Structure formats: C-alpha cells, structure tokens
N, C-alpha and C. Protein backbone atom coordinates (compact mmCIF):
# COMPACT_ATOMS: atom_id res chain seq x y z
N MET A 1 0.82 -1.18 -0.49
CA MET A 1 -0.10 -0.38 -0.60
C MET A 1 1.08 1.03 -0.45
N GLU A 2 0.75 2.20 -0.47
CA GLU A 2 1.76 3.03 -1.01
C GLU A 2 0.83 4.68 -0.08
N PHE A 3 1.35 4.91 0.74
CA PHE A 3 1.08 6.14 1.41
C PHE A 3 2.00 7.84 1.05
N VAL A 4 1.16 8.89 1.42
CA VAL A 4 1.52 10.36 1.27
C VAL A 4 1.93 10.22 3.03
N CYS A 5 3.11 11.01 3.04
CA CYS A 5 3.12 11.39 4.78
C CYS A 5 3.86 12.96 4.70
N TYR A 6 2.78 13.84 4.68
CA TYR A 6 3.76 15.56 4.59
C TYR A 6 3.49 15.50 6.05
N HIS A 7 4.84 16.12 6.59
CA HIS A 7 5.03 16.69 7.38
C HIS A 7 5.15 17.81 7.80
N ARG A 8 4.52 18.96 8.76
CA ARG A 8 5.10 20.52 8.66
C ARG A 8 5.32 20.76 9.32
N ASP A 9 6.42 21.96 8.94
CA ASP A 9 7.04 21.95 10.79
C ASP A 9 6.41 23.29 11.05
N ARG A 10 6.72 23.37 13.24
CA ARG A 10 5.81 23.85 13.83
C ARG A 10 7.07 25.65 13.63
N PRO A 11 6.11 26.62 13.35
CA PRO A 11 7.20 27.98 13.83
C PRO A 11 8.33 28.15 14.51
N GLY A 12 9.62 28.64 14.20
CA GLY A 12 10.54 28.09 15.17
C GLY A 12 11.56 27.36 15.32
N SER A 13 11.01 26.22 14.92
CA SER A 13 11.82 24.72 14.88
C SER A 13 12.97 24.96 14.25
N LEU A 14 13.63 25.29 13.06
CA LEU A 14 14.32 25.26 11.88
C LEU A 14 15.68 25.20 13.34
N PRO A 15 16.10 25.56 14.10
CA PRO A 15 17.38 24.82 14.75
C PRO A 15 17.18 23.35 15.53
N LEU A 16 16.20 22.98 15.92
CA LEU A 16 15.89 21.90 16.23
C LEU A 16 16.13 20.87 14.78
N ARG A 17 15.05 21.41 14.16
CA ARG A 17 15.20 20.37 13.23
C ARG A 17 17.02 19.73 12.31
N GLY A 18 17.75 21.07 12.41
CA GLY A 18 19.48 21.11 12.42
C GLY A 18 20.03 20.20 12.97
N LYS A 19 19.52 20.11 13.93
CA LYS A 19 19.79 19.23 15.04
C LYS A 19 19.98 17.73 14.66
N LEU A 20 18.93 17.16 13.82
CA LEU A 20 18.35 16.13 13.80
C LEU A 20 18.25 15.52 12.50
N VAL A 21 19.07 16.83 11.77
CA VAL A 21 19.12 15.79 10.56
C VAL A 21 19.68 14.71 9.93
N GLU A 22 20.47 14.20 11.03
CA GLU A 22 21.30 12.57 10.28
C GLU A 22 21.00 11.85 11.50
N ASP A 23 19.72 12.25 12.64
CA ASP A 23 19.04 10.93 12.90
C ASP A 23 17.80 11.13 12.03
N HIS A 24 17.38 12.02 11.15
CA HIS A 24 16.00 11.96 10.43
C HIS A 24 16.55 11.00 9.01
N TRP A 25 18.38 11.47 8.76
CA TRP A 25 17.92 10.58 7.34
C TRP A 25 18.29 9.24 7.74
N SER A 26 19.06 9.02 8.53
CA SER A 26 19.14 7.68 9.43
C SER A 26 17.74 6.80 9.37
N TYR A 27 17.17 7.45 9.95
CA TYR A 27 15.63 6.89 10.13
C TYR A 27 15.04 6.70 8.68
N MET A 28 15.04 7.92 7.47
CA MET A 28 15.08 7.16 6.39
C MET A 28 15.72 6.17 5.80
N ASP A 29 16.74 5.94 5.60
CA ASP A 29 17.73 5.07 5.48
C ASP A 29 17.19 3.76 5.65
N GLN A 30 16.58 3.62 6.95
CA GLN A 30 15.79 1.75 6.94
C GLN A 30 14.22 1.45 5.84
N TYR A 31 14.07 3.14 5.51
CA TYR A 31 13.12 2.55 4.51
C TYR A 31 13.11 3.10 3.20
N ALA A 32 15.05 3.19 2.97
CA ALA A 32 14.97 3.32 1.25
C ALA A 32 14.35 2.36 0.06
N ALA A 33 13.99 1.18 0.62
CA ALA A 33 13.99 0.10 -0.24
C ALA A 33 12.03 0.63 -0.38
N GLU A 34 11.96 1.06 0.24
CA GLU A 34 10.18 1.13 0.33
C GLU A 34 9.87 2.79 0.08
N LEU A 35 10.88 3.76 0.00
CA LEU A 35 10.67 5.40 -0.76
C LEU A 35 10.39 5.69 -2.27
N ILE A 36 9.24 6.27 -2.83
CA ILE A 36 8.85 6.14 -3.91
C ILE A 36 9.34 8.03 -3.77
N ALA A 37 9.34 8.74 -2.72
CA ALA A 37 9.91 9.71 -3.24
C ALA A 37 9.74 10.65 -2.50
N ARG A 38 10.63 11.81 -1.23
CA ARG A 38 10.68 12.27 -0.45
C ARG A 38 11.58 13.15 -0.68
N GLY A 39 11.69 14.15 0.65
CA GLY A 39 12.02 15.81 0.50
C GLY A 39 11.43 16.76 0.54
N PRO A 40 12.40 17.83 1.15
CA PRO A 40 12.18 19.32 2.01
C PRO A 40 10.80 19.85 1.28
N THR A 41 9.53 20.91 2.06
CA THR A 41 9.03 21.66 1.16
C THR A 41 9.89 22.89 2.03
N PHE A 42 9.93 24.50 1.10
CA PHE A 42 9.68 25.43 1.13
C PHE A 42 9.30 27.03 1.71
N ALA A 43 9.84 27.73 1.75
CA ALA A 43 8.96 28.83 2.33
C ALA A 43 9.03 29.56 0.96
N ALA A 44 8.45 30.88 0.25
CA ALA A 44 8.90 31.50 -0.58
C ALA A 44 10.10 31.92 -1.35
N ASP A 45 10.54 32.00 0.40
CA ASP A 45 12.61 32.47 0.31
C ASP A 45 13.07 31.07 -0.13
N GLY A 46 12.60 30.12 -0.89
CA GLY A 46 13.56 28.80 -1.33
C GLY A 46 14.08 27.62 -0.60
N GLU A 47 14.57 28.60 0.94
CA GLU A 47 15.63 28.31 1.86
C GLU A 47 14.97 27.89 3.12
N THR A 48 14.28 28.68 3.43
CA THR A 48 13.11 27.93 4.76
C THR A 48 12.65 27.17 4.70
N PRO A 49 12.75 25.63 5.19
CA PRO A 49 11.89 24.58 5.28
C PRO A 49 10.50 25.00 5.63
N THR A 50 9.87 24.15 5.34
CA THR A 50 8.24 24.07 5.87
C THR A 50 8.00 22.95 6.02
N GLY A 51 8.82 21.69 5.52
CA GLY A 51 7.85 20.76 5.85
C GLY A 51 8.67 19.68 5.15
N SER A 52 8.22 17.93 5.36
CA SER A 52 8.77 17.25 4.90
C SER A 52 7.63 16.60 4.13
N ILE A 53 7.96 15.74 2.68
CA ILE A 53 7.09 15.09 2.05
C ILE A 53 7.98 13.52 2.19
N HIS A 54 6.86 12.37 2.45
CA HIS A 54 7.59 11.47 2.13
C HIS A 54 6.85 10.53 1.41
N ILE A 55 6.59 9.51 -0.18
CA ILE A 55 5.70 8.80 -0.53
C ILE A 55 6.23 7.45 -0.13
N VAL A 56 5.99 6.65 0.43
CA VAL A 56 6.40 5.31 1.24
C VAL A 56 5.27 4.45 0.58
N ASP A 57 5.56 3.14 0.36
CA ASP A 57 5.28 2.02 0.36
C ASP A 57 5.16 0.93 1.35
N LEU A 58 4.30 0.31 1.97
CA LEU A 58 3.95 0.34 3.69
C LEU A 58 2.72 -1.02 3.84
N PRO A 59 2.97 -2.16 4.78
CA PRO A 59 1.92 -3.11 4.24
C PRO A 59 1.02 -2.71 4.36
N ASP A 60 0.67 -1.50 5.58
CA ASP A 60 -0.37 -1.17 5.96
C ASP A 60 -0.95 -0.06 6.56
N PRO A 61 -2.11 0.40 6.96
CA PRO A 61 -2.20 2.23 7.55
C PRO A 61 -1.46 2.11 9.08
N ALA A 62 -1.62 1.15 9.59
CA ALA A 62 -0.80 0.62 11.30
C ALA A 62 0.59 0.66 10.13
N ALA A 63 1.72 0.07 9.55
CA ALA A 63 2.96 0.82 9.90
C ALA A 63 2.77 2.21 8.62
N ALA A 64 2.19 2.61 8.05
CA ALA A 64 2.27 4.39 7.95
C ALA A 64 1.81 4.86 9.09
N ARG A 65 1.65 5.04 10.01
CA ARG A 65 1.24 5.63 10.96
C ARG A 65 2.23 5.30 11.95
N ALA A 66 3.38 4.14 12.26
CA ALA A 66 4.32 4.02 13.08
C ALA A 66 5.50 4.37 12.03
N PHE A 67 5.92 4.63 10.72
CA PHE A 67 6.41 5.30 10.34
C PHE A 67 6.78 6.81 10.39
N ALA A 68 5.97 7.51 10.52
CA ALA A 68 4.90 9.43 10.48
C ALA A 68 5.47 9.28 11.30
N PHE A 69 4.79 8.63 12.81
CA PHE A 69 5.28 9.74 14.30
C PHE A 69 5.72 9.09 14.62
N ASP A 70 7.03 7.84 14.45
CA ASP A 70 8.40 7.60 15.02
C ASP A 70 9.21 8.07 14.27
N GLU A 71 9.31 9.64 13.62
CA GLU A 71 10.22 10.20 12.74
C GLU A 71 10.73 10.45 14.29
N PRO A 72 12.03 10.83 13.65
CA PRO A 72 13.38 12.16 14.75
C PRO A 72 12.25 13.39 15.33
N ASN A 73 12.27 13.39 14.05
CA ASN A 73 11.53 14.78 13.87
C ASN A 73 10.76 15.20 14.74
N TYR A 74 9.39 14.50 14.29
CA TYR A 74 8.43 14.29 14.77
C TYR A 74 8.18 14.71 16.33
N GLN A 75 8.67 13.34 16.75
CA GLN A 75 8.94 12.37 17.39
C GLN A 75 9.71 14.03 18.54
N ALA A 76 10.92 14.55 18.39
CA ALA A 76 11.43 16.26 18.56
C ALA A 76 10.40 17.77 18.96
N GLY A 77 9.00 17.26 17.99
CA GLY A 77 8.83 18.78 17.77
C GLY A 77 8.85 19.03 16.71
N VAL A 78 9.62 19.01 16.17
CA VAL A 78 10.05 20.07 14.84
C VAL A 78 8.63 20.03 14.09
N TYR A 79 7.72 18.87 13.94
CA TYR A 79 6.17 19.15 13.16
C TYR A 79 5.43 19.42 13.85
N ARG A 80 4.16 20.77 13.28
CA ARG A 80 3.23 21.01 13.94
C ARG A 80 2.02 20.13 13.27
N ASP A 81 2.23 19.50 12.82
CA ASP A 81 0.89 18.33 12.39
C ASP A 81 1.38 17.21 11.19
N VAL A 82 0.73 16.38 10.93
CA VAL A 82 1.22 15.28 9.46
C VAL A 82 -0.23 14.81 8.90
N LEU A 83 0.15 15.26 7.57
CA LEU A 83 -1.47 14.44 6.91
C LEU A 83 -0.44 13.31 6.42
N LEU A 84 -1.56 11.91 6.79
CA LEU A 84 -1.18 10.86 6.31
C LEU A 84 -2.30 10.27 5.90
N ARG A 85 -2.12 9.99 4.07
CA ARG A 85 -3.10 9.99 3.52
C ARG A 85 -2.86 7.97 2.54
N ARG A 86 -3.45 6.99 2.14
CA ARG A 86 -2.90 6.25 1.62
C ARG A 86 -3.24 6.96 0.04
N TRP A 87 -2.50 6.15 -1.07
CA TRP A 87 -2.26 7.14 -2.52
C TRP A 87 -1.97 5.96 -3.26
N ARG A 88 -1.96 6.36 -4.44
CA ARG A 88 -1.69 5.28 -5.25
C ARG A 88 -0.97 5.58 -6.65
N ASN A 89 0.01 5.25 -6.89
CA ASN A 89 0.44 5.90 -7.80
C ASN A 89 0.87 5.61 -9.21
N LEU A 90 0.11 6.63 -9.87
CA LEU A 90 -0.38 6.31 -11.45
C LEU A 90 0.78 6.27 -12.32
N LEU A 91 2.09 6.39 -12.14
CA LEU A 91 2.54 7.04 -13.21
C LEU A 91 3.73 5.26 -12.75
N GLY A 92 3.54 4.89 -11.71
CA GLY A 92 4.34 3.48 -12.07
C GLY A 92 5.53 3.26 -11.10
N ARG A 93 6.44 4.53 -11.10
CA ARG A 93 7.52 5.24 -10.94
C ARG A 93 8.32 5.90 -9.63
N THR A 94 9.39 5.78 -9.37
CA THR A 94 10.14 6.33 -8.07
C THR A 94 10.89 7.78 -8.43
N MET A 95 10.77 8.68 -7.70
CA MET A 95 11.01 10.53 -8.08
C MET A 95 12.51 9.70 -8.66
N TRP A 96 13.44 8.66 -8.38
CA TRP A 96 14.99 8.62 -9.00
C TRP A 96 14.75 8.03 -10.33
N GLU A 97 13.26 8.10 -10.55
CA GLU A 97 13.11 7.08 -12.53
C GLU A 97 12.65 8.75 -12.74
N PHE A 98 12.39 9.43 -12.28
CA PHE A 98 11.74 10.88 -13.21
C PHE A 98 12.63 11.24 -14.67
N PRO A 99 12.42 10.94 -15.65
CA PRO A 99 13.55 11.31 -16.69
C PRO A 99 14.16 12.94 -16.51
N GLY A 100 13.25 13.71 -15.73
CA GLY A 100 14.06 15.30 -15.76
C GLY A 100 14.87 15.39 -14.33
N GLY A 101 15.66 14.41 -14.15
CA GLY A 101 16.38 13.81 -12.94
C GLY A 101 15.86 15.10 -11.97
N PRO A 102 16.79 14.96 -10.79
CA PRO A 102 16.75 15.95 -9.40
C PRO A 102 16.62 17.48 -9.35
N THR A 103 18.02 17.92 -10.35
CA THR A 103 17.62 19.36 -10.49
C THR A 103 17.26 20.28 -11.53
N ALA A 104 17.33 19.53 -12.68
CA ALA A 104 16.84 20.57 -13.53
C ALA A 104 15.01 21.25 -13.28
N GLY A 105 15.46 22.73 -13.29
CA GLY A 105 13.54 23.46 -13.23
C GLY A 105 12.87 23.43 -11.69
N ASN A 106 12.29 24.07 -11.81
CA ASN A 106 11.84 23.91 -9.89
C ASN A 106 10.84 23.03 -10.42
N ARG A 107 10.94 22.90 -8.50
CA ARG A 107 9.51 21.84 -8.63
C ARG A 107 8.75 21.58 -7.38
N PHE A 108 7.57 21.41 -7.36
CA PHE A 108 6.66 21.68 -6.17
C PHE A 108 5.96 20.37 -5.91
N LEU A 109 5.44 20.46 -4.43
CA LEU A 109 4.58 19.54 -4.19
C LEU A 109 3.22 20.08 -4.58
N VAL A 110 2.86 19.56 -4.63
CA VAL A 110 0.73 19.81 -5.50
C VAL A 110 -0.59 19.52 -4.22
N LEU A 111 -0.99 20.01 -2.89
CA LEU A 111 -1.88 19.26 -2.71
C LEU A 111 -3.09 19.46 -3.09
N GLY A 112 -4.17 18.43 -3.56
CA GLY A 112 -5.58 19.12 -3.78
C GLY A 112 -6.26 17.95 -2.66
N LEU A 113 -6.99 18.68 -1.95
CA LEU A 113 -7.89 18.53 -1.20
C LEU A 113 -9.20 18.84 -0.76
N SER A 114 -9.92 17.75 -0.39
CA SER A 114 -11.52 17.44 -1.08
C SER A 114 -11.87 15.88 -0.54
N SER A 115 -13.44 15.92 -1.08
CA SER A 115 -14.29 15.13 -0.53
C SER A 115 -15.27 14.78 -1.73
N GLY A 116 -15.90 13.89 -2.23
CA GLY A 116 -17.29 13.64 -2.66
C GLY A 116 -16.93 13.25 -4.11
N GLN A 117 -17.32 14.50 -4.83
CA GLN A 117 -17.12 13.39 -6.70
C GLN A 117 -15.48 13.18 -6.82
N ALA A 118 -14.64 12.23 -7.02
CA ALA A 118 -13.67 12.64 -7.27
C ALA A 118 -13.26 12.74 -8.78
N ALA A 119 -12.12 13.04 -8.67
CA ALA A 119 -11.37 14.12 -9.59
C ALA A 119 -9.88 13.58 -10.15
N ASP A 120 -9.34 14.28 -11.38
CA ASP A 120 -7.94 14.00 -11.66
C ASP A 120 -7.84 12.64 -11.62
N LEU A 121 -8.15 11.58 -11.52
CA LEU A 121 -8.14 10.40 -11.19
C LEU A 121 -6.99 9.63 -13.01
N GLU A 122 -7.01 10.39 -13.49
CA GLU A 122 -5.66 9.83 -15.19
C GLU A 122 -4.59 10.55 -14.72
N VAL A 123 -3.44 10.09 -15.02
CA VAL A 123 -2.03 11.23 -15.20
C VAL A 123 -2.68 12.17 -16.32
N PRO A 124 -2.67 13.47 -16.58
CA PRO A 124 -2.45 14.28 -17.30
C PRO A 124 -1.68 14.31 -18.32
N SER A 125 -2.43 14.51 -19.89
CA SER A 125 -0.90 13.13 -20.84
C SER A 125 -0.43 14.69 -21.56
N ASP A 126 -0.80 15.61 -20.89
CA ASP A 126 -0.54 16.82 -21.17
C ASP A 126 0.42 17.36 -20.27
N ARG A 127 0.94 17.32 -19.29
CA ARG A 127 2.00 17.13 -17.67
C ARG A 127 2.52 15.86 -17.58
N ARG A 128 2.46 14.82 -18.23
CA ARG A 128 3.12 13.63 -17.90
C ARG A 128 4.49 13.88 -17.74
N ASP A 129 5.47 14.44 -19.18
CA ASP A 129 6.85 14.91 -18.84
C ASP A 129 7.37 15.74 -17.87
N GLU A 130 6.36 15.88 -16.96
CA GLU A 130 6.61 17.06 -16.03
C GLU A 130 6.63 16.22 -14.71
N LEU A 131 5.68 15.41 -14.25
CA LEU A 131 5.40 14.77 -13.30
C LEU A 131 6.67 14.46 -13.21
N ILE A 132 7.01 14.00 -11.40
CA ILE A 132 7.58 13.57 -10.55
C ILE A 132 6.72 12.02 -10.14
N ALA A 133 6.06 12.34 -9.76
CA ALA A 133 4.77 11.53 -8.35
C ALA A 133 3.50 11.97 -8.77
N TYR A 134 2.01 11.25 -9.31
CA TYR A 134 0.96 11.53 -8.86
C TYR A 134 0.27 10.87 -9.14
N GLY A 135 -0.52 11.01 -8.00
CA GLY A 135 -1.80 10.13 -7.90
C GLY A 135 -3.30 10.17 -6.81
N PRO A 136 -3.87 10.13 -6.81
CA PRO A 136 -5.38 10.58 -6.12
C PRO A 136 -4.34 9.87 -4.17
N LEU A 137 -5.35 11.09 -3.51
CA LEU A 137 -5.42 10.62 -1.73
C LEU A 137 -6.69 9.85 -1.33
N LEU A 138 -6.44 9.07 -0.62
CA LEU A 138 -7.73 8.01 -0.52
C LEU A 138 -8.15 7.58 1.26
N SER A 139 -8.58 7.32 1.87
CA SER A 139 -9.03 7.16 3.41
C SER A 139 -7.84 5.49 3.44
N ASP A 140 -7.95 4.85 4.88
CA ASP A 140 -7.36 4.10 5.21
C ASP A 140 -7.58 2.78 4.23
N ASP A 141 -9.01 2.55 3.74
CA ASP A 141 -9.65 1.37 3.34
C ASP A 141 -9.36 1.34 1.84
N GLY A 142 -9.12 2.69 1.65
CA GLY A 142 -8.77 2.54 -0.24
C GLY A 142 -10.23 3.48 -0.82
N ASP A 143 -11.45 2.86 -0.27
CA ASP A 143 -12.71 3.44 -0.78
C ASP A 143 -13.03 4.87 -1.16
N ALA A 144 -12.61 5.85 -0.45
CA ALA A 144 -12.79 7.14 -0.48
C ALA A 144 -12.16 7.76 -1.35
N TRP A 145 -11.93 8.71 -2.01
CA TRP A 145 -11.15 9.87 -2.57
C TRP A 145 -10.99 10.79 -1.71
N LEU A 146 -10.04 11.52 -1.35
CA LEU A 146 -9.75 12.34 -0.45
C LEU A 146 -9.50 13.88 -1.06
N GLY A 147 -8.48 13.67 -2.43
CA GLY A 147 -7.97 14.66 -3.59
C GLY A 147 -6.98 13.89 -4.01
N THR A 148 -5.85 14.88 -4.07
CA THR A 148 -4.77 14.29 -5.50
C THR A 148 -3.24 15.20 -4.97
N ALA A 149 -2.64 13.95 -4.75
CA ALA A 149 -0.75 15.09 -4.45
C ALA A 149 -0.08 14.25 -5.24
N ALA A 150 0.54 15.45 -5.84
CA ALA A 150 1.82 15.50 -7.36
C ALA A 150 2.71 16.11 -6.17
N LEU A 151 3.58 15.33 -6.98
CA LEU A 151 5.31 16.02 -7.57
C LEU A 151 5.63 16.82 -8.71
N VAL A 152 5.72 17.28 -8.82
CA VAL A 152 5.92 18.86 -10.13
C VAL A 152 6.98 19.22 -10.73
N ARG A 153 7.32 18.76 -11.89
CA ARG A 153 8.30 20.31 -12.48
C ARG A 153 7.91 21.28 -13.11
N ALA A 154 7.43 22.22 -12.62
CA ALA A 154 6.96 23.49 -13.20
C ALA A 154 8.31 24.74 -13.71
N PRO A 155 7.11 26.02 -14.03
CA PRO A 155 8.04 27.11 -13.90
C PRO A 155 7.55 28.02 -12.71
N ASP A 156 6.67 27.99 -12.22
CA ASP A 156 6.45 28.77 -11.01
C ASP A 156 4.92 28.11 -10.77
N ALA A 157 4.54 28.60 -9.36
CA ALA A 157 3.45 27.57 -8.87
C ALA A 157 1.91 28.01 -9.11
N GLU A 158 2.16 28.90 -9.98
CA GLU A 158 0.66 28.87 -10.63
C GLU A 158 0.36 27.84 -11.56
N ALA A 159 1.82 28.10 -12.55
CA ALA A 159 1.54 26.49 -13.49
C ALA A 159 1.62 25.14 -12.88
N ALA A 160 1.98 24.83 -11.83
CA ALA A 160 2.22 23.92 -11.08
C ALA A 160 0.80 23.64 -10.24
N ARG A 161 -0.25 24.69 -9.98
CA ARG A 161 -1.57 24.21 -9.13
C ARG A 161 -2.17 23.78 -10.28
N GLY A 162 -1.80 24.01 -11.83
CA GLY A 162 -2.62 23.74 -13.06
C GLY A 162 -2.44 22.49 -13.30
N VAL A 163 -1.74 21.17 -12.99
CA VAL A 163 -1.90 20.46 -12.33
C VAL A 163 -3.33 19.32 -12.44
N LEU A 164 -3.76 20.00 -11.37
CA LEU A 164 -4.90 19.86 -11.07
C LEU A 164 -6.16 20.47 -11.84
N THR A 165 -7.61 19.85 -11.35
CA THR A 165 -8.62 20.34 -12.10
C THR A 165 -9.03 21.67 -11.31
N GLN A 166 -9.41 22.85 -11.56
CA GLN A 166 -9.46 24.04 -10.93
C GLN A 166 -10.68 24.11 -10.58
N GLY A 167 -11.61 24.57 -9.32
CA GLY A 167 -13.04 24.16 -9.02
C GLY A 167 -13.22 22.94 -8.31
N ARG A 168 -12.57 21.95 -8.51
CA ARG A 168 -12.57 20.40 -8.00
C ARG A 168 -12.68 20.00 -6.26
N TYR A 169 -11.60 20.89 -5.69
CA TYR A 169 -11.02 20.93 -4.65
C TYR A 169 -11.37 22.25 -3.60
N ALA A 170 -11.61 21.23 -2.04
CA ALA A 170 -11.81 22.19 -1.17
C ALA A 170 -10.54 23.16 -0.82
N ASP A 171 -9.81 22.74 -1.48
CA ASP A 171 -8.50 23.97 -1.30
C ASP A 171 -7.20 22.81 -2.27
N ILE A 172 -6.35 24.13 -2.84
CA ILE A 172 -4.89 23.71 -3.41
C ILE A 172 -4.25 24.09 -2.63
N GLU A 173 -2.73 23.24 -2.52
CA GLU A 173 -1.57 23.45 -1.37
C GLU A 173 -0.50 23.73 -2.32
N VAL A 174 -0.09 24.89 -2.66
CA VAL A 174 1.76 24.54 -3.42
C VAL A 174 2.61 24.94 -2.78
N HIS A 175 3.56 24.17 -2.85
CA HIS A 175 4.99 24.74 -1.94
C HIS A 175 5.90 24.31 -2.97
N ASP A 176 7.05 24.67 -2.70
CA ASP A 176 8.21 24.61 -3.02
C ASP A 176 9.05 23.23 -3.18
N TRP A 177 9.57 22.67 -3.41
CA TRP A 177 9.83 21.07 -2.99
C TRP A 177 11.51 20.90 -3.82
N GLU A 178 11.97 19.70 -2.83
CA GLU A 178 13.08 19.82 -3.73
C GLU A 178 13.20 18.25 -3.74
N PHE A 179 14.49 17.22 -5.01
CA PHE A 179 14.34 15.78 -4.38
C PHE A 179 15.01 16.19 -3.02
N GLY A 180 14.57 15.31 -1.75
CA GLY A 180 15.76 15.03 -1.06
C GLY A 180 16.50 13.50 -1.08
N GLY A 181 16.75 13.25 0.48
CA GLY A 181 17.64 12.53 0.57
C GLY A 181 19.31 13.34 1.11
N ARG A 182 20.30 11.93 1.35
CA ARG A 182 21.50 12.51 2.09
C ARG A 182 22.65 13.56 0.73
N ARG A 183 22.94 14.69 1.44
CA ARG A 183 23.36 15.52 0.20
C ARG A 183 24.83 15.49 -0.06
C-alpha cells in the first residue's frame, strides 16, 4: 500500500531540525527500499524549510502511522502536524526514475484536498513529462477519494497548481519542493 506522509514544520523549529538532520536521514535510510519520493518543502524564499514529504510503500495503515509518528523530527517536536493518506502511484515509478533528473527546473508539491466526486484520477497526458509523482489521496480502506497529491516540475507555483482541475478541490496547496535524501 502506498502512502503520502507530509510533515509540516512548527514555526521556529529550524534550529531543532538542524540538530536532528542525521537522525532523520538515518531513520529514512531504514526505509530506502520502500520510498517512492521524499524531500523538504520550502517557504517562498526557497531556503526556509516548511515541511517534509515522503511517499512510501508499506504493508498497511498501521505501518504507515508508525513510519509517520516514530520519525525523529516528529518525536522531537519539529512538526506541527502530519497529513497521512493512502495514495495510488499512477505513474508507477519512483522520483529517482523521473526522466527530468533531480535538479533541473523548479519543483513543487501540489496537494488538492477535497471529498465527494473524485477528480484527476488519470495522469494528465499534457503534463506527464513534468510529473515526478502523481496520484489520488484515499481513505485508509482505499474506498474514498480525499484529493490528489503530485510532485511536479513547473516554471512557477501557478503552473504547478494547474496540474489539478480547478474548482474540484476545497483547497489546493502548492509548496516549493526539492528531491530529498543525503547530500
């Protein structure tokens, strides 16, 4: 089962995040084979971390909750909240298989949150080459559509937002993002 886990930073937690960077990476190393995508999100300045996204393939919702809440930054209070949802990998690849590579162009996390009539259940063919990860957010049992999550290369945040159908979501969040992992 695939899951999206988005930890949002607590304001003022940057010094603590810095102290825990090795603990965080060591923790994620344990999940290297299960990771589909990972990386930090940033404020508009492109430098101040605002969160951390992990897309991971785990056996069940209990394992996903353990992954999210045993993470060292979460345990130490770096994060203010966690979005954890089942997800379906419509591209069938990891971020490391993205043909555009890890650094060229601007990268964004796009989260469309909603309920009711599902939208964007197919990969947009006109954006396929710019999509790093893409799929629906689902309830724990996989039956209810709760939105869509995408990692996308785009010229700017508005272009990234355009990967989702406007008017079909209660909210669409766009966050600057970069490929994660040890530097």
